[in-house]
Amino acid sequence: MIGQKRPLEPKHVWAIRVRLEIAQRARELALFNLAIDSNLRGCDLVKLKVADVYAAGQVKDRASIVQSKTRRPVSFEITEGTRRAITTWLETPLMVGSEHLWPGRFHERWHISTRQYARLVRDWVASIGLEPSAYGTHSMRRTKVAQIHRKTGNLRAVQLLLGHTKMDSTVRYLGVELDDALAIAEAVEL
């Protein structure tokens, strides 16, 4: 499938979370939850360091990083469920002494690759019966902001969360069309 990858629906997010929790896959649950919360590109998500999300003996409520593509800072909230998942992951023996939040299996690789992350996303999506070719790592980036836009219609908030400099980039990214704009306009009564 070519073109934009779909965002996950809330029911898909919960289905994947439940499967990862039941399977006791701490790393994948933490990675999945943080991918949804952060709206980060895959290349930025896999490069996160423990210090980006963890300080003073606990997972931060909010984090901020500089995006590798735009070299601009972007902030994101880390929800309670994600903080719990990250805490569980950080307590595993694999994380002892690790600088990176998602360490690679081999010494020459400091963190997992974006390709490994893409395989995980494909597996998560397939595990709940969705067509893997319709979803990808960018689906994770788009999921939360698509819901925010759907519920509020606030493009500026979505623009800030994604770290876009131009509003038209955000509009294209979300796939906002004339029908969406008219539906928002019809909901406002003066």
Protein backbone atom coordinates (compact mmCIF):
# COMPACT_ATOMS: atom_id res chain seq x y z
CA MET A 1 0.00 0.00 0.00
CA ILE A 2 1.37 3.38 -1.02
CA GLY A 3 0.57 6.73 0.57
CA GLN A 4 -0.23 7.90 4.07
CA LYS A 5 -0.54 5.22 6.70
CA ARG A 6 -3.74 5.27 8.73
CA PRO A 7 -3.80 6.29 12.37
CA LEU A 8 -5.00 3.65 14.81
CA GLU A 9 -8.48 3.98 16.27
CA PRO A 10 -8.88 4.02 20.08
CA LYS A 11 -10.24 0.46 20.03
CA HIS A 12 -7.10 -0.68 18.17
CA VAL A 13 -4.84 1.05 20.70
CA TRP A 14 -6.58 -0.69 23.59
CA ALA A 15 -6.57 -4.07 21.84
CA ILE A 16 -2.81 -3.87 21.26
CA ARG A 17 -2.17 -2.71 24.84
CA VAL A 18 -4.18 -5.59 26.28
CA ARG A 19 -2.33 -8.14 24.13
CA LEU A 20 1.06 -6.76 25.16
CA GLU A 21 0.06 -6.70 28.84
CA ILE A 22 -1.24 -10.28 28.76
CA ALA A 23 1.92 -11.45 27.00
CA GLN A 24 4.00 -9.57 29.62
CA ARG A 25 6.08 -7.87 26.95
CA ALA A 26 7.30 -4.95 29.08
CA ARG A 27 9.59 -3.38 26.47
CA GLU A 28 7.01 -3.50 23.71
CA LEU A 29 4.25 -2.13 25.94
CA ALA A 30 6.46 0.77 27.03
CA LEU A 31 7.53 1.42 23.43
CA PHE A 32 3.95 1.25 22.12
CA ASN A 33 2.58 3.53 24.83
CA LEU A 34 5.35 6.09 24.43
CA ALA A 35 4.95 6.05 20.65
CA ILE A 36 1.27 6.94 21.07
CA ASP A 37 1.90 9.59 23.77
CA SER A 38 4.88 11.31 22.16
CA ASN A 39 3.83 11.64 18.49
CA LEU A 40 7.52 11.26 17.64
CA ARG A 41 8.87 10.07 14.32
CA GLY A 42 10.29 6.56 14.53
CA CYS A 43 13.86 7.83 14.12
CA ASP A 44 13.48 10.05 17.20
CA LEU A 45 11.58 7.47 19.25
CA VAL A 46 14.23 4.74 18.88
CA LYS A 47 17.03 7.19 19.83
CA LEU A 48 15.47 8.23 23.14
CA LYS A 49 17.74 7.96 26.12
CA VAL A 50 16.69 6.99 29.62
CA ALA A 51 17.55 10.52 30.79
CA ASP A 52 15.03 11.97 28.30
CA VAL A 53 12.12 10.43 30.20
CA TYR A 54 13.52 9.54 33.64
CA ALA A 55 14.87 11.82 36.37
CA ALA A 56 15.04 11.90 40.17
CA GLY A 57 14.04 8.25 40.45
CA GLN A 58 10.82 8.50 38.44
CA VAL A 59 9.46 8.80 34.92
CA LYS A 60 8.76 12.42 33.99
CA ASP A 61 5.22 13.74 33.40
CA ARG A 62 6.47 15.66 30.36
CA ALA A 63 9.52 15.39 28.18
CA SER A 64 11.11 17.50 25.50
CA ILE A 65 13.56 16.53 22.77
CA VAL A 66 15.05 18.11 19.67
CA GLN A 67 13.70 16.43 16.54
CA SER A 68 16.39 15.05 14.24
CA LYS A 69 14.56 16.03 11.04
CA THR A 70 13.73 19.64 11.88
CA ARG A 71 16.25 20.36 14.66
CA ARG A 72 13.36 21.98 16.55
CA PRO A 73 12.32 21.08 20.09
CA VAL A 74 9.05 19.27 20.69
CA SER A 75 7.43 18.50 24.04
CA PHE A 76 5.06 15.70 24.93
CA GLU A 77 3.07 14.40 27.86
CA ILE A 78 3.79 10.97 29.31
CA THR A 79 0.50 9.58 30.59
CA GLU A 80 0.14 7.59 33.80
CA GLY A 81 -0.19 4.23 32.00
CA THR A 82 2.91 4.95 29.95
CA ARG A 83 4.85 6.00 33.05
CA ARG A 84 3.94 2.68 34.69
CA ALA A 85 4.97 0.73 31.58
CA ILE A 86 8.29 2.58 31.32
CA THR A 87 8.98 2.07 35.04
CA THR A 88 8.36 -1.67 34.64
CA TRP A 89 10.65 -1.77 31.60
CA LEU A 90 13.42 0.17 33.38
CA GLU A 91 13.33 -2.34 36.26
CA THR A 92 14.15 -5.29 33.99
CA PRO A 93 17.70 -6.74 34.11
CA LEU A 94 18.24 -5.83 30.43
CA MET A 95 18.12 -2.15 31.31
CA VAL A 96 20.85 -2.18 33.97
CA GLY A 97 23.41 0.41 32.90
CA SER A 98 21.70 1.19 29.60
CA GLU A 99 21.91 4.76 28.37
CA HIS A 100 19.30 4.19 25.64
CA LEU A 101 15.65 3.56 26.42
CA TRP A 102 15.39 0.89 23.68
CA PRO A 103 18.84 -0.75 23.62
CA GLY A 104 19.88 -2.89 20.68
CA ARG A 105 20.85 -6.53 21.11
CA PHE A 106 24.37 -6.08 19.77
CA HIS A 107 27.17 -4.00 21.23
CA GLU A 108 27.84 -2.11 18.01
CA ARG A 109 24.23 -0.92 17.94
CA TRP A 110 23.33 1.40 20.81
CA HIS A 111 19.57 1.37 20.23
CA ILE A 112 17.05 -0.55 18.17
CA SER A 113 16.83 0.47 14.54
CA THR A 114 13.86 2.14 12.90
CA ARG A 115 13.54 -1.06 10.87
CA GLN A 116 13.18 -3.12 14.06
CA TYR A 117 10.59 -0.64 15.29
CA ALA A 118 8.71 -0.95 11.99
CA ARG A 119 8.66 -4.76 12.36
CA LEU A 120 7.23 -4.40 15.87
CA VAL A 121 4.49 -2.06 14.62
CA ARG A 122 3.66 -4.52 11.85
CA ASP A 123 3.41 -7.36 14.38
CA TRP A 124 1.22 -5.30 16.75
CA VAL A 125 -1.17 -4.36 13.97
CA ALA A 126 -1.36 -7.91 12.61
CA SER A 127 -1.98 -9.31 16.11
CA ILE A 128 -5.35 -7.55 16.26
CA GLY A 129 -6.39 -8.53 12.75
CA LEU A 130 -5.62 -5.31 10.86
CA GLU A 131 -3.93 -5.24 7.47
CA PRO A 132 -0.24 -4.49 8.19
CA SER A 133 0.33 -2.75 4.87
CA ALA A 134 -2.21 -0.05 5.82
CA TYR A 135 -0.30 0.90 8.99
CA GLY A 136 3.27 1.78 9.83
CA THR A 137 5.47 3.71 12.21
CA HIS A 138 3.86 6.95 11.11
CA SER A 139 0.50 5.50 12.15
CA MET A 140 1.82 5.65 15.70
CA ARG A 141 2.81 9.31 15.24
CA ARG A 142 -0.59 10.19 13.77
CA THR A 143 -2.84 8.28 16.20
CA LYS A 144 -3.12 10.71 19.11
CA VAL A 145 -3.10 13.89 17.04
CA ALA A 146 -5.81 12.52 14.74
CA GLN A 147 -8.01 11.94 17.80
CA ILE A 148 -7.23 15.40 19.17
CA HIS A 149 -8.18 16.97 15.85
CA ARG A 150 -11.31 14.85 15.57
CA LYS A 151 -12.48 15.81 19.07
CA THR A 152 -11.46 19.47 19.15
CA GLY A 153 -10.85 20.62 15.58
CA ASN A 154 -7.82 22.49 16.97
CA LEU A 155 -5.21 22.44 14.21
CA ARG A 156 -2.85 24.77 16.10
CA ALA A 157 -2.61 22.31 19.01
CA VAL A 158 -1.86 19.47 16.58
CA GLN A 159 0.73 21.63 14.82
CA LEU A 160 2.53 22.28 18.11
CA LEU A 161 2.40 18.63 19.18
CA LEU A 162 3.89 17.47 15.88
CA GLY A 163 6.48 20.24 15.81
CA HIS A 164 5.38 21.49 12.39
CA THR A 165 6.40 25.02 11.43
CA LYS A 166 3.68 25.51 8.81
CA MET A 167 -0.03 25.01 9.30
CA ASP A 168 -0.47 23.70 5.75
CA SER A 169 1.95 20.87 6.60
CA THR A 170 -0.28 19.93 9.53
CA VAL A 171 -3.41 20.10 7.36
CA ARG A 172 -1.81 17.82 4.75
CA TYR A 173 -0.46 15.51 7.44
CA LEU A 174 -3.88 15.02 8.99
CA GLY A 175 -5.58 14.76 5.62
CA VAL A 176 -8.01 17.54 6.50
CA GLU A 177 -10.31 18.03 3.56
CA LEU A 178 -13.10 20.41 2.64
CA ASP A 179 -15.67 18.01 4.14
CA ASP A 180 -13.87 18.16 7.49
CA ALA A 181 -13.75 21.95 7.40
CA LEU A 182 -17.47 22.15 6.54
CA ALA A 183 -18.38 19.71 9.33
CA ILE A 184 -16.49 21.88 11.84
CA ALA A 185 -18.14 25.03 10.47
CA GLU A 186 -21.60 23.45 10.72
CA ALA A 187 -21.01 22.56 14.36
CA VAL A 188 -20.46 26.23 15.24
CA GLU A 189 -23.60 28.32 15.65
CA LEU A 190 -23.55 32.10 15.87
